[in-house]
Amino acid sequence: MELADAVPNLYRPMIYLATILGLRFSEIAGLRVGRLSLLGHKSLIVEETVTRDANRWPVFGPPKSIASRRTLSIPQPLAEMLTALCVNLQ
């Protein structure tokens, strides 16, 4: 994927989360490590998003609708990429 190749490695998982799983930017920004299950059944839970307040500060909050709260299966290659990212961030 040309777009993913054009960004630094640190940001590539964002591109793949958007294209493979269909996550919105606010959902990706709101994703926390605790919402990832990378062992066994690989999945992530969308329970928070990030928006900006009137002063443009980031604000964590629930998704806009109940349907936006969901659990998604993660394909193995994406799970490996996310695992490597989590390990490198420690």
C-alpha atoms as a PDB file:
ATOM      1  CA  MET A   1       0.000   0.000   0.000  1.00  0.00           C
ATOM      2  CA  GLU A   2       1.667   3.193  -1.188  1.00  0.00           C
ATOM      3  CA  LEU A   3       0.232   5.461   1.485  1.00  0.00           C
ATOM      4  CA  ALA A   4       1.444   3.218   4.320  1.00  0.00           C
ATOM      5  CA  ASP A   5       4.880   3.024   2.717  1.00  0.00           C
ATOM      6  CA  ALA A   6       5.035   6.820   2.527  1.00  0.00           C
ATOM      7  CA  VAL A   7       4.647   7.409   6.286  1.00  0.00           C
ATOM      8  CA  PRO A   8       7.091   6.637   9.109  1.00  0.00           C
ATOM      9  CA  ASN A   9       6.791   3.138  10.633  1.00  0.00           C
ATOM     10  CA  LEU A  10       5.286   4.580  13.800  1.00  0.00           C
ATOM     11  CA  TYR A  11       2.182   5.740  11.900  1.00  0.00           C
ATOM     12  CA  ARG A  12       1.668   2.767   9.576  1.00  0.00           C
ATOM     13  CA  PRO A  13      -0.671   0.916  11.957  1.00  0.00           C
ATOM     14  CA  MET A  14      -3.037   3.903  11.785  1.00  0.00           C
ATOM     15  CA  ILE A  15      -3.291   3.547   8.016  1.00  0.00           C
ATOM     16  CA  TYR A  16      -4.004  -0.175   8.282  1.00  0.00           C
ATOM     17  CA  LEU A  17      -6.539   0.238  11.113  1.00  0.00           C
ATOM     18  CA  ALA A  18      -8.426   2.699   8.917  1.00  0.00           C
ATOM     19  CA  THR A  19      -8.255   0.696   5.687  1.00  0.00           C
ATOM     20  CA  ILE A  20      -8.589  -2.871   6.958  1.00  0.00           C
ATOM     21  CA  LEU A  21     -10.942  -2.385   9.909  1.00  0.00           C
ATOM     22  CA  GLY A  22     -12.649   0.814   8.775  1.00  0.00           C
ATOM     23  CA  LEU A  23     -11.860   2.769  11.932  1.00  0.00           C
ATOM     24  CA  ARG A  24     -12.349   6.526  11.890  1.00  0.00           C
ATOM     25  CA  PHE A  25      -9.487   8.803  12.954  1.00  0.00           C
ATOM     26  CA  SER A  26     -11.247   9.668  16.228  1.00  0.00           C
ATOM     27  CA  GLU A  27     -11.593   5.924  16.990  1.00  0.00           C
ATOM     28  CA  ILE A  28      -7.936   5.247  16.205  1.00  0.00           C
ATOM     29  CA  ALA A  29      -6.855   8.194  18.347  1.00  0.00           C
ATOM     30  CA  GLY A  30      -9.055   6.928  21.179  1.00  0.00           C
ATOM     31  CA  LEU A  31      -7.738   3.368  21.028  1.00  0.00           C
ATOM     32  CA  ARG A  32      -5.879   2.280  24.144  1.00  0.00           C
ATOM     33  CA  VAL A  33      -3.565  -0.688  24.611  1.00  0.00           C
ATOM     34  CA  GLY A  34      -6.004  -2.179  27.128  1.00  0.00           C
ATOM     35  CA  ARG A  35      -8.627  -2.449  24.383  1.00  0.00           C
ATOM     36  CA  LEU A  36      -6.369  -4.717  22.272  1.00  0.00           C
ATOM     37  CA  SER A  37      -6.346  -8.482  22.543  1.00  0.00           C
ATOM     38  CA  LEU A  38      -3.282  -9.634  20.614  1.00  0.00           C
ATOM     39  CA  LEU A  39      -2.924 -13.137  22.073  1.00  0.00           C
ATOM     40  CA  GLY A  40      -5.312 -15.949  21.179  1.00  0.00           C
ATOM     41  CA  HIS A  41      -8.396 -14.451  19.548  1.00  0.00           C
ATOM     42  CA  LYS A  42      -7.047 -11.202  18.137  1.00  0.00           C
ATOM     43  CA  SER A  43      -9.490  -8.333  18.506  1.00  0.00           C
ATOM     44  CA  LEU A  44      -9.926  -4.736  19.519  1.00  0.00           C
ATOM     45  CA  ILE A  45     -12.761  -2.961  21.268  1.00  0.00           C
ATOM     46  CA  VAL A  46     -13.937   0.458  20.136  1.00  0.00           C
ATOM     47  CA  GLU A  47     -15.232   2.116  23.326  1.00  0.00           C
ATOM     48  CA  GLU A  48     -13.716   5.589  23.220  1.00  0.00           C
ATOM     49  CA  THR A  49     -13.061   8.302  20.695  1.00  0.00           C
ATOM     50  CA  VAL A  50     -11.096  11.530  20.829  1.00  0.00           C
ATOM     51  CA  THR A  51     -12.605  14.857  19.885  1.00  0.00           C
ATOM     52  CA  ARG A  52     -11.537  18.421  20.612  1.00  0.00           C
ATOM     53  CA  ASP A  53     -13.197  20.867  22.961  1.00  0.00           C
ATOM     54  CA  ALA A  54     -13.780  24.575  22.266  1.00  0.00           C
ATOM     55  CA  ASN A  55     -10.127  25.305  23.116  1.00  0.00           C
ATOM     56  CA  ARG A  56      -8.966  22.525  20.763  1.00  0.00           C
ATOM     57  CA  TRP A  57      -7.825  20.290  23.650  1.00  0.00           C
ATOM     58  CA  PRO A  58      -8.283  16.542  23.081  1.00  0.00           C
ATOM     59  CA  VAL A  59     -11.213  15.038  24.965  1.00  0.00           C
ATOM     60  CA  PHE A  60     -11.819  11.294  25.406  1.00  0.00           C
ATOM     61  CA  GLY A  61     -15.426  10.189  25.355  1.00  0.00           C
ATOM     62  CA  PRO A  62     -17.790   7.473  24.189  1.00  0.00           C
ATOM     63  CA  PRO A  63     -18.594   6.992  20.513  1.00  0.00           C
ATOM     64  CA  LYS A  64     -21.538   8.984  19.161  1.00  0.00           C
ATOM     65  CA  SER A  65     -23.863   5.972  18.956  1.00  0.00           C
ATOM     66  CA  ILE A  66     -24.322   2.582  20.566  1.00  0.00           C
ATOM     67  CA  ALA A  67     -23.667   0.947  17.180  1.00  0.00           C
ATOM     68  CA  SER A  68     -20.227   2.584  17.111  1.00  0.00           C
ATOM     69  CA  ARG A  69     -19.212   0.566  20.185  1.00  0.00           C
ATOM     70  CA  ARG A  70     -18.013  -2.701  18.754  1.00  0.00           C
ATOM     71  CA  THR A  71     -15.471  -5.502  18.906  1.00  0.00           C
ATOM     72  CA  LEU A  72     -13.530  -6.198  15.718  1.00  0.00           C
ATOM     73  CA  SER A  73     -11.349  -9.159  14.787  1.00  0.00           C
ATOM     74  CA  ILE A  74      -7.798  -8.264  13.827  1.00  0.00           C
ATOM     75  CA  PRO A  75      -6.084 -10.144  10.970  1.00  0.00           C
ATOM     76  CA  GLN A  76      -2.787 -11.792  11.939  1.00  0.00           C
ATOM     77  CA  PRO A  77      -0.483  -9.412   9.979  1.00  0.00           C
ATOM     78  CA  LEU A  78      -2.123  -6.367  11.579  1.00  0.00           C
ATOM     79  CA  ALA A  79      -1.955  -8.007  15.023  1.00  0.00           C
ATOM     80  CA  GLU A  80       1.788  -8.560  14.515  1.00  0.00           C
ATOM     81  CA  MET A  81       2.235  -4.913  13.505  1.00  0.00           C
ATOM     82  CA  LEU A  82       0.319  -3.709  16.573  1.00  0.00           C
ATOM     83  CA  THR A  83       2.281  -6.066  18.846  1.00  0.00           C
ATOM     84  CA  ALA A  84       5.566  -4.702  17.515  1.00  0.00           C
ATOM     85  CA  LEU A  85       4.322  -1.142  18.024  1.00  0.00           C
ATOM     86  CA  CYS A  86       3.301  -1.861  21.633  1.00  0.00           C
ATOM     87  CA  VAL A  87       6.640  -3.517  22.380  1.00  0.00           C
ATOM     88  CA  ASN A  88       8.572  -0.594  20.873  1.00  0.00           C
ATOM     89  CA  LEU A  89       6.601   1.980  22.858  1.00  0.00           C
ATOM     90  CA  GLN A  90       7.590   0.474  26.215  1.00  0.00           C
END
